[in-house]
C-alpha atoms as a PDB file:
ATOM      1  CA  MET A   1      -4.229 -21.500   2.951  1.00  0.00           C
ATOM      2  CA  ALA A   2      -7.913 -20.345   3.485  1.00  0.00           C
ATOM      3  CA  ASP A   3      -8.997 -19.604   7.162  1.00  0.00           C
ATOM      4  CA  PHE A   4     -12.606 -20.299   7.194  1.00  0.00           C
ATOM      5  CA  SER A   5     -13.081 -20.905  10.899  1.00  0.00           C
ATOM      6  CA  TYR A   6     -12.264 -17.227  11.379  1.00  0.00           C
ATOM      7  CA  LEU A   7     -15.292 -16.220   9.324  1.00  0.00           C
ATOM      8  CA  SER A   8     -17.872 -18.369  11.222  1.00  0.00           C
ATOM      9  CA  THR A   9     -19.723 -15.324  12.204  1.00  0.00           C
ATOM     10  CA  VAL A  10     -20.593 -14.392   8.706  1.00  0.00           C
ATOM     11  CA  SER A  11     -22.510 -15.987   6.002  1.00  0.00           C
ATOM     12  CA  ALA A  12     -20.926 -18.119   3.530  1.00  0.00           C
ATOM     13  CA  GLU A  13     -21.782 -15.659   0.799  1.00  0.00           C
ATOM     14  CA  ASP A  14     -20.398 -12.756   2.591  1.00  0.00           C
ATOM     15  CA  ALA A  15     -16.901 -14.833   3.254  1.00  0.00           C
ATOM     16  CA  ALA A  16     -16.741 -15.803  -0.265  1.00  0.00           C
ATOM     17  CA  THR A  17     -17.376 -12.088  -1.341  1.00  0.00           C
ATOM     18  CA  TYR A  18     -15.790  -9.983   1.177  1.00  0.00           C
ATOM     19  CA  GLY A  19     -13.251 -12.561   3.003  1.00  0.00           C
ATOM     20  CA  PHE A  20      -9.973 -13.885   2.420  1.00  0.00           C
ATOM     21  CA  THR A  21     -10.721 -15.761  -0.828  1.00  0.00           C
ATOM     22  CA  ARG A  22     -12.341 -12.960  -2.742  1.00  0.00           C
ATOM     23  CA  ASP A  23     -11.415 -12.521  -6.188  1.00  0.00           C
ATOM     24  CA  GLU A  24      -9.324  -9.462  -5.401  1.00  0.00           C
ATOM     25  CA  MET A  25      -6.968 -10.455  -2.973  1.00  0.00           C
ATOM     26  CA  TYR A  26      -3.362 -10.187  -4.016  1.00  0.00           C
ATOM     27  CA  SER A  27      -4.527  -8.586  -7.547  1.00  0.00           C
ATOM     28  CA  THR A  28      -2.309  -5.223  -6.678  1.00  0.00           C
ATOM     29  CA  ASN A  29       1.222  -4.601  -5.377  1.00  0.00           C
ATOM     30  CA  LEU A  30       1.479  -2.945  -1.988  1.00  0.00           C
ATOM     31  CA  ALA A  31       4.481  -0.815  -1.757  1.00  0.00           C
ATOM     32  CA  GLY A  32       3.637   2.698  -2.259  1.00  0.00           C
ATOM     33  CA  THR A  33       0.018   2.578  -1.110  1.00  0.00           C
ATOM     34  CA  VAL A  34       1.038   4.654   1.913  1.00  0.00           C
ATOM     35  CA  LYS A  35       1.692   8.526   1.480  1.00  0.00           C
ATOM     36  CA  PRO A  36       4.920   9.734   3.910  1.00  0.00           C
ATOM     37  CA  TYR A  37       3.955  11.137   7.042  1.00  0.00           C
ATOM     38  CA  ASP A  38       5.562  11.730  10.553  1.00  0.00           C
ATOM     39  CA  ARG A  39       3.287  11.239  13.469  1.00  0.00           C
ATOM     40  CA  HIS A  40       0.066   9.168  13.912  1.00  0.00           C
ATOM     41  CA  LEU A  41      -2.538   9.999  16.488  1.00  0.00           C
ATOM     42  CA  PHE A  42      -4.965   7.322  17.472  1.00  0.00           C
ATOM     43  CA  LEU A  43      -8.323   8.298  19.494  1.00  0.00           C
ATOM     44  CA  ARG A  44     -10.450   5.901  21.280  1.00  0.00           C
ATOM     45  CA  HIS A  45     -14.147   6.561  20.726  1.00  0.00           C
ATOM     46  CA  LYS A  46     -16.957   4.066  21.330  1.00  0.00           C
ATOM     47  CA  SER A  47     -17.111   0.759  20.197  1.00  0.00           C
ATOM     48  CA  TYR A  48     -15.764   0.036  16.595  1.00  0.00           C
ATOM     49  CA  THR A  49     -19.134  -1.625  15.877  1.00  0.00           C
ATOM     50  CA  ASP A  50     -20.949   1.259  16.580  1.00  0.00           C
ATOM     51  CA  TRP A  51     -18.586   4.039  14.488  1.00  0.00           C
ATOM     52  CA  ALA A  52     -20.473   6.173  11.733  1.00  0.00           C
ATOM     53  CA  SER A  53     -19.346   5.273   8.072  1.00  0.00           C
ATOM     54  CA  LEU A  54     -17.171   8.696   8.638  1.00  0.00           C
ATOM     55  CA  ALA A  55     -15.791   7.857  12.225  1.00  0.00           C
ATOM     56  CA  GLU A  56     -13.775  11.105  12.228  1.00  0.00           C
ATOM     57  CA  GLU A  57     -16.761  13.090  11.747  1.00  0.00           C
ATOM     58  CA  ASP A  58     -18.778  11.908  14.925  1.00  0.00           C
ATOM     59  CA  GLY A  59     -18.361  13.935  18.141  1.00  0.00           C
ATOM     60  CA  LEU A  60     -14.938  14.236  19.756  1.00  0.00           C
ATOM     61  CA  PRO A  61     -13.297  12.752  16.833  1.00  0.00           C
ATOM     62  CA  ASN A  62     -14.947  15.375  14.439  1.00  0.00           C
ATOM     63  CA  LEU A  63     -13.564  18.078  16.997  1.00  0.00           C
ATOM     64  CA  LEU A  64      -9.972  16.522  17.046  1.00  0.00           C
ATOM     65  CA  SER A  65      -9.906  15.967  13.289  1.00  0.00           C
ATOM     66  CA  SER A  66     -11.270  19.749  12.773  1.00  0.00           C
ATOM     67  CA  GLY A  67      -8.871  21.289  15.168  1.00  0.00           C
ATOM     68  CA  LEU A  68      -5.985  19.392  13.101  1.00  0.00           C
ATOM     69  CA  LYS A  69      -6.810  21.181   9.769  1.00  0.00           C
ATOM     70  CA  SER A  70      -7.386  24.302  11.252  1.00  0.00           C
ATOM     71  CA  ARG A  71      -4.072  24.229  12.848  1.00  0.00           C
ATOM     72  CA  LYS A  72      -2.232  22.301   9.945  1.00  0.00           C
ATOM     73  CA  ASN A  73       0.258  25.160   9.094  1.00  0.00           C
ATOM     74  CA  ASP A  74       1.145  25.374  12.828  1.00  0.00           C
ATOM     75  CA  ILE A  75       1.951  21.786  13.474  1.00  0.00           C
ATOM     76  CA  PRO A  76       5.624  21.101  12.435  1.00  0.00           C
ATOM     77  CA  VAL A  77       5.247  17.788  11.235  1.00  0.00           C
ATOM     78  CA  LYS A  78       2.397  15.682   8.732  1.00  0.00           C
ATOM     79  CA  THR A  79       0.259  14.046  11.344  1.00  0.00           C
ATOM     80  CA  LEU A  80      -2.443  11.367  10.669  1.00  0.00           C
ATOM     81  CA  LEU A  81      -5.510  10.732  12.787  1.00  0.00           C
ATOM     82  CA  THR A  82      -7.142   7.351  13.203  1.00  0.00           C
ATOM     83  CA  VAL A  83     -10.288   6.663  15.421  1.00  0.00           C
ATOM     84  CA  ILE A  84      -9.593   3.085  17.507  1.00  0.00           C
ATOM     85  CA  ASP A  85     -12.124   1.283  19.855  1.00  0.00           C
ATOM     86  CA  GLY A  86     -12.652   3.116  23.090  1.00  0.00           C
ATOM     87  CA  ALA A  87     -15.418   0.743  24.615  1.00  0.00           C
ATOM     88  CA  GLU A  88     -13.718   0.830  27.757  1.00  0.00           C
ATOM     89  CA  SER A  89     -11.377   4.265  27.727  1.00  0.00           C
ATOM     90  CA  ASP A  90     -13.128   6.715  25.902  1.00  0.00           C
ATOM     91  CA  GLY A  91     -11.307   9.847  25.193  1.00  0.00           C
ATOM     92  CA  ASP A  92      -7.541   8.254  25.483  1.00  0.00           C
ATOM     93  CA  VAL A  93      -5.161   9.624  22.598  1.00  0.00           C
ATOM     94  CA  LEU A  94      -2.076   7.444  21.826  1.00  0.00           C
ATOM     95  CA  ILE A  95       0.565   9.460  19.985  1.00  0.00           C
ATOM     96  CA  PHE A  96       3.228   7.304  17.587  1.00  0.00           C
ATOM     97  CA  PRO A  97       6.608   7.298  17.172  1.00  0.00           C
ATOM     98  CA  GLU A  98       6.646   9.228  20.730  1.00  0.00           C
ATOM     99  CA  MET A  99       4.879   6.499  22.380  1.00  0.00           C
ATOM    100  CA  ILE A 100       2.966   8.609  24.598  1.00  0.00           C
ATOM    101  CA  LYS A 101      -0.748   8.336  26.002  1.00  0.00           C
ATOM    102  CA  TYR A 102      -3.116  10.843  27.459  1.00  0.00           C
ATOM    103  CA  LYS A 103      -6.136  10.295  29.149  1.00  0.00           C
ATOM    104  CA  GLY A 104      -9.122  12.399  29.520  1.00  0.00           C
ATOM    105  CA  LEU A 105      -9.571  14.500  26.074  1.00  0.00           C
ATOM    106  CA  THR A 106     -12.874  15.823  25.898  1.00  0.00           C
ATOM    107  CA  ASP A 107     -14.921  18.456  23.859  1.00  0.00           C
ATOM    108  CA  SER A 108     -13.587  21.317  26.044  1.00  0.00           C
ATOM    109  CA  ASN A 109      -9.884  20.616  25.915  1.00  0.00           C
ATOM    110  CA  VAL A 110      -9.436  19.703  22.375  1.00  0.00           C
ATOM    111  CA  ASP A 111      -7.716  23.273  21.514  1.00  0.00           C
ATOM    112  CA  ALA A 112      -5.333  23.182  24.337  1.00  0.00           C
ATOM    113  CA  PHE A 113      -4.399  19.620  23.664  1.00  0.00           C
ATOM    114  CA  ILE A 114      -3.434  20.518  19.974  1.00  0.00           C
ATOM    115  CA  GLU A 115      -1.585  23.921  21.291  1.00  0.00           C
ATOM    116  CA  ASP A 116       0.518  22.207  23.842  1.00  0.00           C
ATOM    117  CA  VAL A 117       1.140  18.717  22.512  1.00  0.00           C
ATOM    118  CA  LEU A 118       1.307  19.085  18.775  1.00  0.00           C
ATOM    119  CA  VAL A 119       1.996  22.781  17.921  1.00  0.00           C
ATOM    120  CA  ASN A 120       4.568  23.752  20.523  1.00  0.00           C
ATOM    121  CA  GLY A 121       5.694  19.761  21.379  1.00  0.00           C
ATOM    122  CA  LYS A 122       5.140  20.429  25.031  1.00  0.00           C
ATOM    123  CA  PRO A 123       3.584  17.944  27.871  1.00  0.00           C
ATOM    124  CA  TRP A 124      -0.299  18.579  27.910  1.00  0.00           C
ATOM    125  CA  ALA A 125      -0.963  20.694  30.903  1.00  0.00           C
ATOM    126  CA  SER A 126      -4.459  19.206  31.384  1.00  0.00           C
ATOM    127  CA  GLY A 127      -3.553  15.493  31.303  1.00  0.00           C
ATOM    128  CA  ALA A 128      -1.021  12.872  32.675  1.00  0.00           C
ATOM    129  CA  GLN A 129       1.339  11.870  30.268  1.00  0.00           C
ATOM    130  CA  GLU A 130       1.972   8.172  30.088  1.00  0.00           C
ATOM    131  CA  THR A 131       4.854   6.346  28.142  1.00  0.00           C
ATOM    132  CA  LEU A 132       3.507   3.133  25.989  1.00  0.00           C
ATOM    133  CA  THR A 133       5.501   0.071  26.499  1.00  0.00           C
ATOM    134  CA  GLY A 134       5.436  -2.859  23.981  1.00  0.00           C
ATOM    135  CA  SER A 135       4.071  -3.155  20.333  1.00  0.00           C
ATOM    136  CA  TYR A 136       0.756  -2.089  18.886  1.00  0.00           C
ATOM    137  CA  ILE A 137      -1.232  -3.673  16.444  1.00  0.00           C
ATOM    138  CA  PHE A 138      -4.384  -1.595  14.806  1.00  0.00           C
ATOM    139  CA  VAL A 139      -6.641  -3.706  12.651  1.00  0.00           C
ATOM    140  CA  CYS A 140      -9.046  -1.967  10.027  1.00  0.00           C
ATOM    141  CA  ALA A 141     -12.601  -3.439  11.406  1.00  0.00           C
ATOM    142  CA  HIS A 142     -14.728  -0.693  10.109  1.00  0.00           C
ATOM    143  CA  GLY A 143     -17.894  -2.735   8.846  1.00  0.00           C
ATOM    144  CA  ASN A 144     -19.694   0.459   8.452  1.00  0.00           C
ATOM    145  CA  ARG A 145     -17.427   2.258   5.811  1.00  0.00           C
ATOM    146  CA  ASP A 146     -16.523  -0.899   3.728  1.00  0.00           C
ATOM    147  CA  LYS A 147     -18.008  -4.352   4.100  1.00  0.00           C
ATOM    148  CA  ARG A 148     -14.431  -6.408   3.460  1.00  0.00           C
ATOM    149  CA  CYS A 149     -13.055  -4.424   6.391  1.00  0.00           C
ATOM    150  CA  GLY A 150     -16.022  -5.399   8.420  1.00  0.00           C
ATOM    151  CA  VAL A 151     -15.620  -9.133   7.623  1.00  0.00           C
ATOM    152  CA  CYS A 152     -11.614  -9.397   7.604  1.00  0.00           C
ATOM    153  CA  GLY A 153     -10.967  -7.111  10.515  1.00  0.00           C
ATOM    154  CA  PRO A 154     -12.527  -8.879  13.407  1.00  0.00           C
ATOM    155  CA  ALA A 155     -11.585 -12.260  12.049  1.00  0.00           C
ATOM    156  CA  LEU A 156      -7.809 -11.029  12.242  1.00  0.00           C
ATOM    157  CA  ILE A 157      -8.301  -9.684  15.610  1.00  0.00           C
ATOM    158  CA  ARG A 158      -9.551 -12.851  17.016  1.00  0.00           C
ATOM    159  CA  LYS A 159      -6.601 -14.957  15.438  1.00  0.00           C
ATOM    160  CA  LEU A 160      -4.034 -12.037  16.588  1.00  0.00           C
ATOM    161  CA  ASN A 161      -5.397 -12.322  20.046  1.00  0.00           C
ATOM    162  CA  GLU A 162      -5.296 -15.882  20.148  1.00  0.00           C
ATOM    163  CA  GLU A 163      -1.778 -16.215  18.764  1.00  0.00           C
ATOM    164  CA  ILE A 164      -0.448 -13.678  21.379  1.00  0.00           C
ATOM    165  CA  GLU A 165      -1.945 -15.543  24.091  1.00  0.00           C
ATOM    166  CA  MET A 166      -0.586 -18.560  22.893  1.00  0.00           C
ATOM    167  CA  GLN A 167       2.956 -17.362  22.373  1.00  0.00           C
ATOM    168  CA  GLY A 168       2.900 -15.915  25.802  1.00  0.00           C
ATOM    169  CA  LEU A 169       2.886 -12.238  24.704  1.00  0.00           C
ATOM    170  CA  LYS A 170      -0.028 -10.791  26.497  1.00  0.00           C
ATOM    171  CA  GLY A 171       0.853  -7.648  28.091  1.00  0.00           C
ATOM    172  CA  GLN A 172       3.598  -7.088  25.391  1.00  0.00           C
ATOM    173  CA  VAL A 173       1.606  -6.840  22.139  1.00  0.00           C
ATOM    174  CA  PHE A 174      -1.811  -4.968  22.226  1.00  0.00           C
ATOM    175  CA  VAL A 175      -4.279  -5.163  19.648  1.00  0.00           C
ATOM    176  CA  SER A 176      -7.207  -2.573  18.709  1.00  0.00           C
ATOM    177  CA  ALA A 177      -9.927  -2.073  15.783  1.00  0.00           C
ATOM    178  CA  CYS A 178      -9.317   0.976  14.029  1.00  0.00           C
ATOM    179  CA  SER A 179     -11.176   2.966  11.678  1.00  0.00           C
ATOM    180  CA  HIS A 180     -10.824   3.310   7.833  1.00  0.00           C
ATOM    181  CA  ILE A 181      -7.248   3.698   7.187  1.00  0.00           C
ATOM    182  CA  GLY A 182      -7.319   3.921   3.268  1.00  0.00           C
ATOM    183  CA  GLY A 183      -7.463   1.128   0.625  1.00  0.00           C
ATOM    184  CA  HIS A 184     -10.498  -1.061   1.595  1.00  0.00           C
ATOM    185  CA  LYS A 185      -9.507  -3.453  -1.394  1.00  0.00           C
ATOM    186  CA  TYR A 186      -6.786  -4.409   0.411  1.00  0.00           C
ATOM    187  CA  ALA A 187      -8.345  -5.893   3.475  1.00  0.00           C
ATOM    188  CA  GLY A 188      -7.206  -7.031   5.792  1.00  0.00           C
ATOM    189  CA  ASN A 189      -5.439  -3.979   6.592  1.00  0.00           C
ATOM    190  CA  LEU A 190      -3.727  -3.407   9.630  1.00  0.00           C
ATOM    191  CA  ILE A 191      -0.488  -1.085  11.132  1.00  0.00           C
ATOM    192  CA  ILE A 192       2.050  -2.537  13.448  1.00  0.00           C
ATOM    193  CA  PHE A 193       3.798   0.139  15.783  1.00  0.00           C
ATOM    194  CA  SER A 194       7.044  -1.897  17.082  1.00  0.00           C
ATOM    195  CA  LEU A 195      10.741  -1.706  17.135  1.00  0.00           C
ATOM    196  CA  ASP A 196      12.431  -2.201  13.711  1.00  0.00           C
ATOM    197  CA  SER A 197      15.567  -3.924  13.203  1.00  0.00           C
ATOM    198  CA  GLU A 198      17.788  -0.755  14.360  1.00  0.00           C
ATOM    199  CA  GLY A 199      15.728  -0.532  17.336  1.00  0.00           C
ATOM    200  CA  LYS A 200      13.554   2.651  16.335  1.00  0.00           C
ATOM    201  CA  ILE A 201       9.843   2.839  16.759  1.00  0.00           C
ATOM    202  CA  THR A 202       8.025   2.892  13.477  1.00  0.00           C
ATOM    203  CA  GLY A 203       4.519   2.002  11.899  1.00  0.00           C
ATOM    204  CA  ASN A 204       4.429  -0.529   8.930  1.00  0.00           C
ATOM    205  CA  TRP A 205       1.203  -0.851   7.275  1.00  0.00           C
ATOM    206  CA  TYR A 206       0.035  -4.280   5.719  1.00  0.00           C
ATOM    207  CA  GLY A 207      -2.576  -5.179   3.789  1.00  0.00           C
ATOM    208  CA  TYR A 208      -4.023  -8.659   2.094  1.00  0.00           C
ATOM    209  CA  VAL A 209      -3.343  -9.924   5.514  1.00  0.00           C
ATOM    210  CA  THR A 210      -4.972 -13.211   6.477  1.00  0.00           C
ATOM    211  CA  PRO A 211      -5.173 -15.213   9.819  1.00  0.00           C
ATOM    212  CA  HIS A 212      -2.746 -17.727   8.373  1.00  0.00           C
ATOM    213  CA  ASP A 213      -0.387 -14.874   8.377  1.00  0.00           C
ATOM    214  CA  VAL A 214      -0.417 -13.783  11.842  1.00  0.00           C
ATOM    215  CA  PRO A 215       2.015 -15.902  13.071  1.00  0.00           C
ATOM    216  CA  GLU A 216       4.711 -14.458  10.903  1.00  0.00           C
ATOM    217  CA  LEU A 217       3.794 -10.814  11.535  1.00  0.00           C
ATOM    218  CA  LEU A 218       4.349 -11.574  15.317  1.00  0.00           C
ATOM    219  CA  ASP A 219       7.689 -13.939  14.690  1.00  0.00           C
ATOM    220  CA  GLN A 220       9.155 -11.578  11.915  1.00  0.00           C
ATOM    221  CA  GLN A 221       8.037  -7.996  12.125  1.00  0.00           C
ATOM    222  CA  ILE A 222       7.176  -7.771  15.793  1.00  0.00           C
ATOM    223  CA  ALA A 223      10.221 -10.272  17.270  1.00  0.00           C
ATOM    224  CA  LYS A 224      12.595  -9.477  14.633  1.00  0.00           C
ATOM    225  CA  GLY A 225      11.884  -5.848  13.258  1.00  0.00           C
ATOM    226  CA  GLU A 226      11.892  -7.344   9.656  1.00  0.00           C
ATOM    227  CA  ILE A 227       9.052  -6.390   7.187  1.00  0.00           C
ATOM    228  CA  ILE A 228       7.065  -8.877   5.379  1.00  0.00           C
ATOM    229  CA  GLU A 229       7.466  -7.464   2.104  1.00  0.00           C
ATOM    230  CA  ARG A 230       4.552  -9.403  -0.024  1.00  0.00           C
ATOM    231  CA  LEU A 231       2.192  -7.650   2.530  1.00  0.00           C
ATOM    232  CA  TRP A 232       4.008  -4.485   3.321  1.00  0.00           C
ATOM    233  CA  ARG A 233       2.445  -1.242   2.026  1.00  0.00           C
ATOM    234  CA  GLY A 234       4.744   1.032   3.346  1.00  0.00           C
ATOM    235  CA  LYS A 235       5.445   2.735   6.648  1.00  0.00           C
ATOM    236  CA  MET A 236       5.428   5.956   9.012  1.00  0.00           C
ATOM    237  CA  GLY A 237       7.906   8.622   7.901  1.00  0.00           C
ATOM    238  CA  ALA A 238       9.193   6.669   4.756  1.00  0.00           C
ATOM    239  CA  SER A 239      10.064   9.214   1.969  1.00  0.00           C
ATOM    240  CA  THR A 240       9.348   8.095  -1.675  1.00  0.00           C
ATOM    241  CA  GLU A 241      11.805   8.262  -4.688  1.00  0.00           C
ATOM    242  CA  GLY A 242      10.146   8.152  -8.244  1.00  0.00           C
ATOM    243  CA  GLY A 243       6.953   7.862  -6.571  1.00  0.00           C
ATOM    244  CA  LYS A 244       7.541   4.456  -5.161  1.00  0.00           C
ATOM    245  CA  GLN A 245       8.191   3.399  -1.416  1.00  0.00           C
ATOM    246  CA  LYS A 246      11.457   1.720  -1.126  1.00  0.00           C
ATOM    247  CA  LEU A 247      11.935  -1.359   1.376  1.00  0.00           C
ATOM    248  CA  PRO A 248      14.470  -0.740   4.138  1.00  0.00           C
ATOM    249  CA  ASN A 249      17.227  -2.506   2.250  1.00  0.00           C
ATOM    250  CA  GLY A 250      16.821   0.422  -0.532  1.00  0.00           C
ATOM    251  CA  THR A 251      15.089  -1.653  -3.110  1.00  0.00           C
ATOM    252  CA  GLU A 252      11.672  -1.593  -4.312  1.00  0.00           C
ATOM    253  CA  VAL A 253       9.451  -4.162  -3.024  1.00  0.00           C
ATOM    254  CA  LYS A 254       9.127  -7.472  -4.980  1.00  0.00           C
ATOM    255  CA  LYS A 255       5.636  -7.962  -6.730  1.00  0.00           C
ATOM    256  CA  ASN A 256       3.446 -10.294  -5.026  1.00  0.00           C
ATOM    257  CA  GLU A 257       3.927 -13.679  -5.858  1.00  0.00           C
ATOM    258  CA  LYS A 258       0.286 -14.672  -6.550  1.00  0.00           C
ATOM    259  CA  HIS A 259      -0.311 -11.826  -8.726  1.00  0.00           C
ATOM    260  CA  LYS A 260       2.931 -12.250 -10.883  1.00  0.00           C
ATOM    261  CA  GLU A 261       1.970 -16.089 -11.303  1.00  0.00           C
ATOM    262  CA  THR A 262      -1.519 -14.746 -12.392  1.00  0.00           C
ATOM    263  CA  THR A 263      -0.093 -12.084 -14.679  1.00  0.00           C
ATOM    264  CA  ALA A 264       2.259 -14.544 -16.363  1.00  0.00           C
ATOM    265  CA  GLN A 265      -0.444 -16.862 -16.905  1.00  0.00           C
ATOM    266  CA  LYS A 266      -2.619 -14.266 -18.642  1.00  0.00           C
ATOM    267  CA  THR A 267       0.840 -13.036 -20.581  1.00  0.00           C
ATOM    268  CA  THR A 268       1.193 -16.720 -21.750  1.00  0.00           C
ATOM    269  CA  GLU A 269      -2.519 -17.110 -22.761  1.00  0.00           C
ATOM    270  CA  ASN A 270      -2.829 -13.971 -24.575  1.00  0.00           C
ATOM    271  CA  VAL A 271       0.414 -13.316 -26.174  1.00  0.00           C
ATOM    272  CA  GLY A 272       0.369 -13.257 -30.013  1.00  0.00           C
ATOM    273  CA  GLY A 273       3.769 -11.736 -30.175  1.00  0.00           C
ATOM    274  CA  CYS A 274       6.430  -9.515 -28.049  1.00  0.00           C
ATOM    275  CA  CYS A 275       9.043  -6.764 -28.429  1.00  0.00           C
ATOM    276  CA  GLN A 276      11.786  -5.695 -25.901  1.00  0.00           C
ATOM    277  CA  GLY A 277      11.441  -2.087 -25.510  1.00  0.00           C
ATOM    278  CA  ALA A 278      13.961   0.278 -23.975  1.00  0.00           C
ATOM    279  CA  ASN A 279      14.839   0.414 -20.200  1.00  0.00           C
ATOM    280  CA  GLY A 280      13.635  -2.927 -19.683  1.00  0.00           C
ATOM    281  CA  PHE A 281      10.105  -2.340 -20.620  1.00  0.00           C
ATOM    282  CA  THR A 282       8.344  -5.199 -22.523  1.00  0.00           C
ATOM    283  CA  CYS A 283       5.239  -4.783 -24.375  1.00  0.00           C
ATOM    284  CA  CYS A 284       3.343  -7.664 -26.073  1.00  0.00           C
ATOM    285  CA  MET A 285       0.507  -7.852 -28.617  1.00  0.00           C
ATOM    286  CA  THR A 286      -2.392  -9.809 -27.066  1.00  0.00           C
ATOM    287  CA  ALA A 287      -5.192 -11.458 -28.615  1.00  0.00           C
ATOM    288  CA  SER A 288      -7.668  -9.020 -27.163  1.00  0.00           C
ATOM    289  CA  SER A 289      -7.384  -5.439 -29.022  1.00  0.00           C
ATOM    290  CA  GLU A 290      -8.321  -3.378 -25.967  1.00  0.00           C
ATOM    291  CA  PRO A 291      -7.725  -3.825 -22.317  1.00  0.00           C
ATOM    292  CA  SER A 292     -10.760  -3.521 -20.253  1.00  0.00           C
ATOM    293  CA  GLU A 293     -12.266  -0.271 -19.092  1.00  0.00           C
ATOM    294  CA  GLU A 294     -10.948  -1.333 -15.320  1.00  0.00           C
ATOM    295  CA  LYS A 295      -7.908  -2.068 -16.287  1.00  0.00           C
ATOM    296  CA  ARG A 296      -7.742   1.330 -18.373  1.00  0.00           C
ATOM    297  CA  SER A 297      -8.862   3.435 -15.190  1.00  0.00           C
ATOM    298  CA  GLU A 298      -6.481   1.505 -13.042  1.00  0.00           C
ATOM    299  CA  GLU A 299      -2.928   1.720 -14.983  1.00  0.00           C
ATOM    300  CA  PRO A 300      -3.633   4.110 -17.460  1.00  0.00           C
ATOM    301  CA  ARG A 301       0.140   5.551 -17.165  1.00  0.00           C
ATOM    302  CA  GLU A 302       1.750   2.184 -17.236  1.00  0.00           C
ATOM    303  CA  VAL A 303      -0.304   0.917 -19.790  1.00  0.00           C
ATOM    304  CA  HIS A 304       0.148   3.986 -22.041  1.00  0.00           C
ATOM    305  CA  GLY A 305       3.959   4.526 -21.247  1.00  0.00           C
ATOM    306  CA  LYS A 306       4.896   1.157 -22.364  1.00  0.00           C
ATOM    307  CA  THR A 307       2.663   0.995 -25.426  1.00  0.00           C
ATOM    308  CA  GLY A 308       4.257   4.308 -26.596  1.00  0.00           C
ATOM    309  CA  MET A 309       7.801   3.159 -25.860  1.00  0.00           C
ATOM    310  CA  CYS A 310       7.029  -0.011 -27.910  1.00  0.00           C
ATOM    311  CA  LYS A 311       5.836   1.959 -30.805  1.00  0.00           C
ATOM    312  CA  LEU A 312       8.629   4.178 -30.992  1.00  0.00           C
ATOM    313  CA  THR A 313      10.866   1.049 -30.586  1.00  0.00           C
ATOM    314  CA  SER A 314       9.114  -0.308 -33.991  1.00  0.00           C
ATOM    315  CA  TRP A 315       8.955   2.891 -35.692  1.00  0.00           C
ATOM    316  CA  VAL A 316      13.141   3.440 -35.114  1.00  0.00           C
ATOM    317  CA  GLU A 317      13.472  -0.322 -36.349  1.00  0.00           C
ATOM    318  CA  SER A 318      11.226   0.411 -39.678  1.00  0.00           C
ATOM    319  CA  TRP A 319      13.041   3.645 -40.092  1.00  0.00           C
ATOM    320  CA  GLU A 320      16.337   1.848 -39.857  1.00  0.00           C
ATOM    321  CA  GLN A 321      15.144  -0.918 -42.274  1.00  0.00           C
ATOM    322  CA  ARG A 322      13.825   1.518 -45.022  1.00  0.00           C
ATOM    323  CA  ASP A 323      17.508   3.451 -44.632  1.00  0.00           C
ATOM    324  CA  VAL A 324      19.356   0.361 -45.249  1.00  0.00           C
ATOM    325  CA  LEU A 325      17.498  -0.335 -48.511  1.00  0.00           C
ATOM    326  CA  ARG A 326      17.488   2.769 -49.633  1.00  0.00           C
ATOM    327  CA  ALA A 327      21.272   2.942 -48.992  1.00  0.00           C
ATOM    328  CA  ALA A 328      21.818  -0.502 -50.990  1.00  0.00           C
ATOM    329  CA  ALA A 329      19.684   0.478 -53.758  1.00  0.00           C
ATOM    330  CA  VAL A 330      21.858   3.760 -53.940  1.00  0.00           C
ATOM    331  CA  VAL A 331      24.950   1.580 -53.933  1.00  0.00           C
ATOM    332  CA  GLY A 332      23.419  -0.697 -56.537  1.00  0.00           C
ATOM    333  CA  ALA A 333      22.708   1.959 -59.073  1.00  0.00           C
ATOM    334  CA  VAL A 334      26.319   3.449 -59.000  1.00  0.00           C
ATOM    335  CA  ALA A 335      27.842   0.029 -59.454  1.00  0.00           C
ATOM    336  CA  THR A 336      25.506  -0.493 -62.362  1.00  0.00           C
ATOM    337  CA  VAL A 337      26.819   2.849 -63.764  1.00  0.00           C
ATOM    338  CA  ALA A 338      30.211   2.223 -63.149  1.00  0.00           C
ATOM    339  CA  VAL A 339      30.190  -1.282 -64.822  1.00  0.00           C
ATOM    340  CA  ALA A 340      28.303   0.329 -67.829  1.00  0.00           C
ATOM    341  CA  TYR A 341      30.985   3.390 -67.968  1.00  0.00           C
ATOM    342  CA  THR A 342      33.832   0.452 -68.208  1.00  0.00           C
ATOM    343  CA  TYR A 343      32.115  -1.310 -70.532  1.00  0.00           C
ATOM    344  CA  TYR A 344      32.003   1.822 -73.017  1.00  0.00           C
ATOM    345  CA  ARG A 345      35.670   2.873 -72.667  1.00  0.00           C
ATOM    346  CA  ARG A 346      36.604  -0.436 -73.749  1.00  0.00           C
ATOM    347  CA  SER A 347      34.404  -0.698 -76.542  1.00  0.00           C
ATOM    348  CA  GLY A 348      35.585   2.596 -77.751  1.00  0.00           C
END
C-alpha cells in the first residue's frame, strides 16, 4: 500500500524518485547489513535540517568522534556514534543498551566523558546520570547526506508520532531524527531500542520501512519484542556466522517477499535451461548472455560461485558419460574377439 499522503511536503517527482515507491524498494535482502557492535551513543546536536553532509565532522560531534577513534583501543566494547536532533537539548548523550543519559556535554569536557564513562565504565564526574525508560526510535532523516533519507525520514517521523498519540503511547515511546546509519538505499531506515522477548534491551535495525509499516512496528517489535523479518537488517550485539546474521530463532532471515517474487518472474521470463548444482545451488542459463554491470558489481561472489559450481557439475557429468562410453566400447571389442575366437576353434 502506498502512503502518498505523508509525502505531501515534497514534489511528485521527488516522491516517485526518492520515496516509498521508488524502483529500488525491496530489491535487496536486508539481514546481515548491520555489522556487529556492542554499544550505541546518540549525541543531540542542532536541528536535523541543519546538519552538514557529514554530521559527525561538525563541532561537538567531531570532537566526540575524534575522541572515540583516538581511544579505540582503550574502550572495551565496540561503540558506534550517531547524531540525533538536538534542537531543544543540545549536548545530551544517550547510551544504549545501558539506557543512560547524560546532559551538558561540551567541547571542554569530551575527553573526561570518554575517560570516565567509556574507558573506565564509571559515572561521569561532571554530569548527572539519568536512567532512560520506555522505547526509543531513531529515524534516519539526514537529507543533506542522501535525498532518499531526506524524503522518507520526515514522513516516517510524522506517521510514528501520529500512531504513538493514537495508541496512547506518548511518554512511553520516543522518536528522534538521526544522522546517517548506513545503507541509504534501504531508506526508510530506523533503529528501535526496546525490550526483546526475553526482557533485554536491544537495538533492532530496519530498512525499507514505510508509513504503512508503522502500526506493525509498534504492535510487534515494541509491544511484543518480536522482530519483523521482512524489514529486519540486524541488531546491536548480534554475531555473524558465515558472514550472515541470524534471526533470534537461529535461522537465516527469509528473503523479502516482493524481491523473491520479482526474481522468480525474471527467472521464468529468461530461463533457457537449468541444472541443479551441489549444496542446493541452482544455476540457470538465461537468454541474455551476460548480466548487467550493476548486477555483477553487486553480487560478484554469488554469481561466480554458482556459475563455477554448475560448470563443475556439467564437467563431471560429461566426464562420466565419456567414461561410460569408453567402457562400453572396450566391452564390445572384447566380446567380438571372443566370438571370433570361438568360431575359429570350431572351424579348425
